Amino acid sequence: MNNGAAGIKGFTLLEIMLVMVILAGLATLVVSRAPADNSRQQGERLAWSIRQVAERAELENKIYALAVFTNGLQLKVLNRQALHGEASKSWPGYYWHQARLMKKYPMFSLPQHMRLSLRIENKSFELQAMENNTQPPQLIFFPDGEIIDFTLGIYAKGKLTGRITIHNGSMAFIPFAENAL
């Protein structure tokens, strides 16, 4: 701080520039961390939604399934009504109907910069975008709690940022640190 002859105190240009550089550095850190934090938040939200589907299958004694797309999930329920449903290949006479994940959301969509990958029992699946909307469900949740082993990879801007795994009925969301990529 510079003391003038008249006793007026003020900041020098150098001090003001130093504060601006520090603030700019902090802002850069906050902005650069946002996509990673967002992908972690989306991964946790996605894992929570999958747990809700598994619990719903048990509570309602119905077979639910998730169709996995590159940019989200779509919930389906199996029943005998043919109207507006797609025929099940595994259960003749039954049809998959779009259901709702929560009270009003029929699907879980990811932000544009994020994508999913799917492995079921160590086999990778080719996924399409949700806009095509014709994909049969890949993940099936039975009323008895049975779930096949799978891994959903969560990518943000092309980098793997986390995984949701189900192995022997136990589900976990595993976020990856940015330096581990």
C-alpha atoms as a PDB file:
ATOM      1  CA  MET A   1       0.000   0.000   0.000  1.00  0.00           C
ATOM      2  CA  ASN A   2       1.287   3.437  -0.878  1.00  0.00           C
ATOM      3  CA  ASN A   3       1.019   6.359   1.532  1.00  0.00           C
ATOM      4  CA  GLY A   4       0.741   9.673  -0.275  1.00  0.00           C
ATOM      5  CA  ALA A   5       1.988  13.017   1.015  1.00  0.00           C
ATOM      6  CA  ALA A   6      -1.543  14.116   1.866  1.00  0.00           C
ATOM      7  CA  GLY A   7      -2.166  10.956   3.952  1.00  0.00           C
ATOM      8  CA  ILE A   8      -4.392   9.297   1.286  1.00  0.00           C
ATOM      9  CA  LYS A   9      -4.077   5.545   1.243  1.00  0.00           C
ATOM     10  CA  GLY A  10      -4.591   3.504  -1.921  1.00  0.00           C
ATOM     11  CA  PHE A  11      -3.535   0.408  -3.814  1.00  0.00           C
ATOM     12  CA  THR A  12      -0.779   0.386  -6.378  1.00  0.00           C
ATOM     13  CA  LEU A  13      -1.401  -0.912  -9.875  1.00  0.00           C
ATOM     14  CA  LEU A  14       0.884  -3.854  -9.122  1.00  0.00           C
ATOM     15  CA  GLU A  15      -1.198  -4.870  -6.085  1.00  0.00           C
ATOM     16  CA  ILE A  16      -4.447  -4.667  -8.054  1.00  0.00           C
ATOM     17  CA  MET A  17      -2.976  -6.729 -10.911  1.00  0.00           C
ATOM     18  CA  LEU A  18      -1.708  -9.360  -8.451  1.00  0.00           C
ATOM     19  CA  VAL A  19      -5.180  -9.740  -6.923  1.00  0.00           C
ATOM     20  CA  MET A  20      -6.713 -10.028 -10.411  1.00  0.00           C
ATOM     21  CA  VAL A  21      -4.232 -12.773 -11.388  1.00  0.00           C
ATOM     22  CA  ILE A  22      -5.035 -14.730  -8.217  1.00  0.00           C
ATOM     23  CA  LEU A  23      -8.801 -14.390  -8.808  1.00  0.00           C
ATOM     24  CA  ALA A  24      -8.399 -15.447 -12.451  1.00  0.00           C
ATOM     25  CA  GLY A  25      -6.420 -18.519 -11.345  1.00  0.00           C
ATOM     26  CA  LEU A  26      -9.107 -19.503  -8.845  1.00  0.00           C
ATOM     27  CA  ALA A  27     -11.851 -18.985 -11.434  1.00  0.00           C
ATOM     28  CA  THR A  28      -9.946 -21.208 -13.888  1.00  0.00           C
ATOM     29  CA  LEU A  29      -9.738 -23.966 -11.284  1.00  0.00           C
ATOM     30  CA  VAL A  30     -13.464 -23.742 -10.567  1.00  0.00           C
ATOM     31  CA  VAL A  31     -14.437 -23.761 -14.252  1.00  0.00           C
ATOM     32  CA  SER A  32     -12.063 -26.596 -15.157  1.00  0.00           C
ATOM     33  CA  ARG A  33     -13.449 -28.760 -12.323  1.00  0.00           C
ATOM     34  CA  ALA A  34     -17.098 -28.246 -13.307  1.00  0.00           C
ATOM     35  CA  PRO A  35     -17.358 -31.027 -15.954  1.00  0.00           C
ATOM     36  CA  ALA A  36     -15.764 -33.588 -13.627  1.00  0.00           C
ATOM     37  CA  ASP A  37     -18.053 -32.581 -10.770  1.00  0.00           C
ATOM     38  CA  ASN A  38     -21.050 -32.662 -13.120  1.00  0.00           C
ATOM     39  CA  SER A  39     -20.166 -36.154 -14.354  1.00  0.00           C
ATOM     40  CA  ARG A  40     -19.808 -37.367 -10.775  1.00  0.00           C
ATOM     41  CA  GLN A  41     -23.185 -35.853  -9.907  1.00  0.00           C
ATOM     42  CA  GLN A  42     -24.769 -37.399 -13.017  1.00  0.00           C
ATOM     43  CA  GLY A  43     -23.184 -40.777 -12.199  1.00  0.00           C
ATOM     44  CA  GLU A  44     -24.543 -40.720  -8.663  1.00  0.00           C
ATOM     45  CA  ARG A  45     -27.974 -39.690  -9.954  1.00  0.00           C
ATOM     46  CA  LEU A  46     -27.882 -42.468 -12.554  1.00  0.00           C
ATOM     47  CA  ALA A  47     -26.873 -45.079  -9.948  1.00  0.00           C
ATOM     48  CA  TRP A  48     -29.673 -43.875  -7.666  1.00  0.00           C
ATOM     49  CA  SER A  49     -32.198 -44.225 -10.515  1.00  0.00           C
ATOM     50  CA  ILE A  50     -31.038 -47.782 -11.238  1.00  0.00           C
ATOM     51  CA  ARG A  51     -31.404 -48.698  -7.543  1.00  0.00           C
ATOM     52  CA  GLN A  52     -34.938 -47.274  -7.640  1.00  0.00           C
ATOM     53  CA  VAL A  53     -35.811 -49.491 -10.607  1.00  0.00           C
ATOM     54  CA  ALA A  54     -34.504 -52.609  -8.812  1.00  0.00           C
ATOM     55  CA  GLU A  55     -36.470 -51.733  -5.671  1.00  0.00           C
ATOM     56  CA  ARG A  56     -39.581 -50.955  -7.693  1.00  0.00           C
ATOM     57  CA  ALA A  57     -39.442 -54.383  -9.382  1.00  0.00           C
ATOM     58  CA  GLU A  58     -39.350 -56.076  -5.990  1.00  0.00           C
ATOM     59  CA  LEU A  59     -42.023 -53.901  -4.367  1.00  0.00           C
ATOM     60  CA  GLU A  60     -44.488 -54.078  -7.254  1.00  0.00           C
ATOM     61  CA  ASN A  61     -43.728 -57.718  -8.111  1.00  0.00           C
ATOM     62  CA  LYS A  62     -43.196 -56.797 -11.780  1.00  0.00           C
ATOM     63  CA  ILE A  63     -40.423 -57.197 -14.308  1.00  0.00           C
ATOM     64  CA  TYR A  64     -38.821 -53.861 -15.127  1.00  0.00           C
ATOM     65  CA  ALA A  65     -36.027 -53.214 -17.574  1.00  0.00           C
ATOM     66  CA  LEU A  66     -33.788 -50.422 -18.781  1.00  0.00           C
ATOM     67  CA  ALA A  67     -32.982 -49.721 -22.391  1.00  0.00           C
ATOM     68  CA  VAL A  68     -29.502 -48.181 -22.369  1.00  0.00           C
ATOM     69  CA  PHE A  69     -28.664 -45.539 -24.952  1.00  0.00           C
ATOM     70  CA  THR A  70     -25.485 -43.541 -25.483  1.00  0.00           C
ATOM     71  CA  ASN A  71     -27.170 -40.520 -23.926  1.00  0.00           C
ATOM     72  CA  GLY A  72     -29.458 -41.985 -21.269  1.00  0.00           C
ATOM     73  CA  LEU A  73     -31.818 -44.698 -20.058  1.00  0.00           C
ATOM     74  CA  GLN A  74     -35.428 -45.549 -20.755  1.00  0.00           C
ATOM     75  CA  LEU A  75     -37.523 -47.517 -18.260  1.00  0.00           C
ATOM     76  CA  LYS A  76     -39.810 -50.279 -19.506  1.00  0.00           C
ATOM     77  CA  VAL A  77     -42.220 -52.645 -17.805  1.00  0.00           C
ATOM     78  CA  LEU A  78     -43.292 -56.086 -19.042  1.00  0.00           C
ATOM     79  CA  ASN A  79     -46.983 -56.984 -19.262  1.00  0.00           C
ATOM     80  CA  ARG A  80     -49.517 -58.793 -21.472  1.00  0.00           C
ATOM     81  CA  GLN A  81     -51.141 -55.697 -23.030  1.00  0.00           C
ATOM     82  CA  ALA A  82     -50.134 -55.420 -26.674  1.00  0.00           C
ATOM     83  CA  LEU A  83     -51.401 -51.873 -27.165  1.00  0.00           C
ATOM     84  CA  HIS A  84     -48.443 -49.484 -27.714  1.00  0.00           C
ATOM     85  CA  GLY A  85     -45.920 -52.090 -26.600  1.00  0.00           C
ATOM     86  CA  GLU A  86     -43.098 -53.899 -28.347  1.00  0.00           C
ATOM     87  CA  ALA A  87     -43.164 -57.705 -28.292  1.00  0.00           C
ATOM     88  CA  SER A  88     -40.695 -59.376 -25.979  1.00  0.00           C
ATOM     89  CA  LYS A  89     -38.388 -61.887 -27.673  1.00  0.00           C
ATOM     90  CA  SER A  90     -37.703 -63.697 -24.395  1.00  0.00           C
ATOM     91  CA  TRP A  91     -41.313 -63.929 -23.179  1.00  0.00           C
ATOM     92  CA  PRO A  92     -43.795 -64.664 -26.017  1.00  0.00           C
ATOM     93  CA  GLY A  93     -47.193 -63.077 -25.404  1.00  0.00           C
ATOM     94  CA  TYR A  94     -45.696 -60.275 -23.302  1.00  0.00           C
ATOM     95  CA  TYR A  95     -44.886 -56.717 -24.333  1.00  0.00           C
ATOM     96  CA  TRP A  96     -42.492 -54.018 -23.164  1.00  0.00           C
ATOM     97  CA  HIS A  97     -44.177 -50.718 -22.370  1.00  0.00           C
ATOM     98  CA  GLN A  98     -42.536 -47.435 -21.542  1.00  0.00           C
ATOM     99  CA  ALA A  99     -42.752 -46.778 -17.817  1.00  0.00           C
ATOM    100  CA  ARG A 100     -41.695 -43.818 -15.727  1.00  0.00           C
ATOM    101  CA  LEU A 101     -38.498 -43.655 -13.681  1.00  0.00           C
ATOM    102  CA  MET A 102     -39.960 -41.240 -11.197  1.00  0.00           C
ATOM    103  CA  LYS A 103     -43.410 -39.701 -11.003  1.00  0.00           C
ATOM    104  CA  LYS A 104     -43.197 -37.835 -14.285  1.00  0.00           C
ATOM    105  CA  TYR A 105     -39.946 -38.812 -16.039  1.00  0.00           C
ATOM    106  CA  PRO A 106     -40.110 -41.722 -18.532  1.00  0.00           C
ATOM    107  CA  MET A 107     -36.370 -41.597 -19.171  1.00  0.00           C
ATOM    108  CA  PHE A 108     -33.080 -40.454 -17.739  1.00  0.00           C
ATOM    109  CA  SER A 109     -31.191 -38.178 -20.144  1.00  0.00           C
ATOM    110  CA  LEU A 110     -27.562 -37.144 -19.853  1.00  0.00           C
ATOM    111  CA  PRO A 111     -26.148 -33.736 -20.765  1.00  0.00           C
ATOM    112  CA  GLN A 112     -24.829 -33.396 -24.332  1.00  0.00           C
ATOM    113  CA  HIS A 113     -21.164 -33.720 -23.368  1.00  0.00           C
ATOM    114  CA  MET A 114     -21.746 -37.083 -21.637  1.00  0.00           C
ATOM    115  CA  ARG A 115     -22.106 -40.623 -23.013  1.00  0.00           C
ATOM    116  CA  LEU A 116     -22.634 -44.155 -21.692  1.00  0.00           C
ATOM    117  CA  SER A 117     -21.104 -47.498 -22.580  1.00  0.00           C
ATOM    118  CA  LEU A 118     -22.480 -50.901 -21.560  1.00  0.00           C
ATOM    119  CA  ARG A 119     -20.872 -54.235 -20.734  1.00  0.00           C
ATOM    120  CA  ILE A 120     -23.010 -57.187 -19.671  1.00  0.00           C
ATOM    121  CA  GLU A 121     -21.168 -60.199 -18.313  1.00  0.00           C
ATOM    122  CA  ASN A 122     -17.919 -58.944 -19.942  1.00  0.00           C
ATOM    123  CA  LYS A 123     -19.492 -58.395 -23.366  1.00  0.00           C
ATOM    124  CA  SER A 124     -19.639 -54.867 -24.831  1.00  0.00           C
ATOM    125  CA  PHE A 125     -22.827 -53.665 -26.495  1.00  0.00           C
ATOM    126  CA  GLU A 126     -23.199 -51.200 -29.345  1.00  0.00           C
ATOM    127  CA  LEU A 127     -25.487 -48.421 -28.151  1.00  0.00           C
ATOM    128  CA  GLN A 128     -27.504 -45.947 -30.162  1.00  0.00           C
ATOM    129  CA  ALA A 129     -28.793 -42.481 -29.343  1.00  0.00           C
ATOM    130  CA  MET A 130     -32.041 -42.179 -27.414  1.00  0.00           C
ATOM    131  CA  GLU A 131     -33.626 -40.218 -30.258  1.00  0.00           C
ATOM    132  CA  ASN A 132     -33.925 -43.491 -32.238  1.00  0.00           C
ATOM    133  CA  ASN A 133     -36.027 -44.865 -29.354  1.00  0.00           C
ATOM    134  CA  THR A 134     -36.362 -48.395 -30.789  1.00  0.00           C
ATOM    135  CA  GLN A 135     -33.870 -50.279 -28.668  1.00  0.00           C
ATOM    136  CA  PRO A 136     -35.071 -53.303 -26.705  1.00  0.00           C
ATOM    137  CA  PRO A 137     -34.157 -53.293 -23.011  1.00  0.00           C
ATOM    138  CA  GLN A 138     -30.796 -54.786 -22.046  1.00  0.00           C
ATOM    139  CA  LEU A 139     -30.917 -54.617 -18.234  1.00  0.00           C
ATOM    140  CA  ILE A 140     -33.739 -56.593 -16.645  1.00  0.00           C
ATOM    141  CA  PHE A 141     -34.788 -56.360 -12.988  1.00  0.00           C
ATOM    142  CA  PHE A 142     -36.831 -59.248 -11.600  1.00  0.00           C
ATOM    143  CA  PRO A 143     -39.235 -59.216  -8.630  1.00  0.00           C
ATOM    144  CA  ASP A 144     -37.004 -61.624  -6.709  1.00  0.00           C
ATOM    145  CA  GLY A 145     -34.115 -59.114  -6.829  1.00  0.00           C
ATOM    146  CA  GLU A 146     -32.133 -61.021  -9.445  1.00  0.00           C
ATOM    147  CA  ILE A 147     -29.992 -58.773 -11.666  1.00  0.00           C
ATOM    148  CA  ILE A 148     -27.362 -59.799 -14.190  1.00  0.00           C
ATOM    149  CA  ASP A 149     -23.839 -58.425 -13.779  1.00  0.00           C
ATOM    150  CA  PHE A 150     -23.223 -55.279 -15.814  1.00  0.00           C
ATOM    151  CA  THR A 151     -21.048 -52.190 -16.009  1.00  0.00           C
ATOM    152  CA  LEU A 152     -22.135 -48.790 -17.272  1.00  0.00           C
ATOM    153  CA  GLY A 153     -19.223 -46.572 -18.254  1.00  0.00           C
ATOM    154  CA  ILE A 154     -19.828 -42.827 -17.895  1.00  0.00           C
ATOM    155  CA  TYR A 155     -17.869 -40.586 -20.245  1.00  0.00           C
ATOM    156  CA  ALA A 156     -17.568 -36.803 -20.192  1.00  0.00           C
ATOM    157  CA  LYS A 157     -16.017 -35.149 -23.242  1.00  0.00           C
ATOM    158  CA  GLY A 158     -14.695 -38.528 -24.412  1.00  0.00           C
ATOM    159  CA  LYS A 159     -12.951 -39.451 -21.137  1.00  0.00           C
ATOM    160  CA  LEU A 160     -14.102 -42.197 -18.791  1.00  0.00           C
ATOM    161  CA  THR A 161     -15.121 -40.410 -15.587  1.00  0.00           C
ATOM    162  CA  GLY A 162     -16.831 -43.220 -13.667  1.00  0.00           C
ATOM    163  CA  ARG A 163     -18.544 -46.593 -13.707  1.00  0.00           C
ATOM    164  CA  ILE A 164     -21.686 -48.093 -12.273  1.00  0.00           C
ATOM    165  CA  THR A 165     -21.250 -51.808 -11.664  1.00  0.00           C
ATOM    166  CA  ILE A 166     -23.518 -54.555 -10.484  1.00  0.00           C
ATOM    167  CA  HIS A 167     -21.752 -57.735  -9.484  1.00  0.00           C
ATOM    168  CA  ASN A 168     -23.490 -60.542  -7.592  1.00  0.00           C
ATOM    169  CA  GLY A 169     -26.439 -58.224  -6.869  1.00  0.00           C
ATOM    170  CA  SER A 170     -24.295 -55.501  -5.292  1.00  0.00           C
ATOM    171  CA  MET A 171     -24.257 -52.100  -7.003  1.00  0.00           C
ATOM    172  CA  ALA A 172     -21.547 -49.459  -6.766  1.00  0.00           C
ATOM    173  CA  PHE A 173     -20.809 -46.131  -8.417  1.00  0.00           C
ATOM    174  CA  ILE A 174     -17.067 -45.650  -8.836  1.00  0.00           C
ATOM    175  CA  PRO A 175     -15.975 -42.149  -9.861  1.00  0.00           C
ATOM    176  CA  PHE A 176     -12.500 -41.738 -11.342  1.00  0.00           C
ATOM    177  CA  ALA A 177     -10.164 -38.962 -10.321  1.00  0.00           C
ATOM    178  CA  GLU A 178      -9.144 -36.701 -13.179  1.00  0.00           C
ATOM    179  CA  ASN A 179      -5.449 -37.569 -12.742  1.00  0.00           C
ATOM    180  CA  ALA A 180      -6.211 -41.321 -12.988  1.00  0.00           C
ATOM    181  CA  LEU A 181      -7.534 -41.007 -16.550  1.00  0.00           C
END
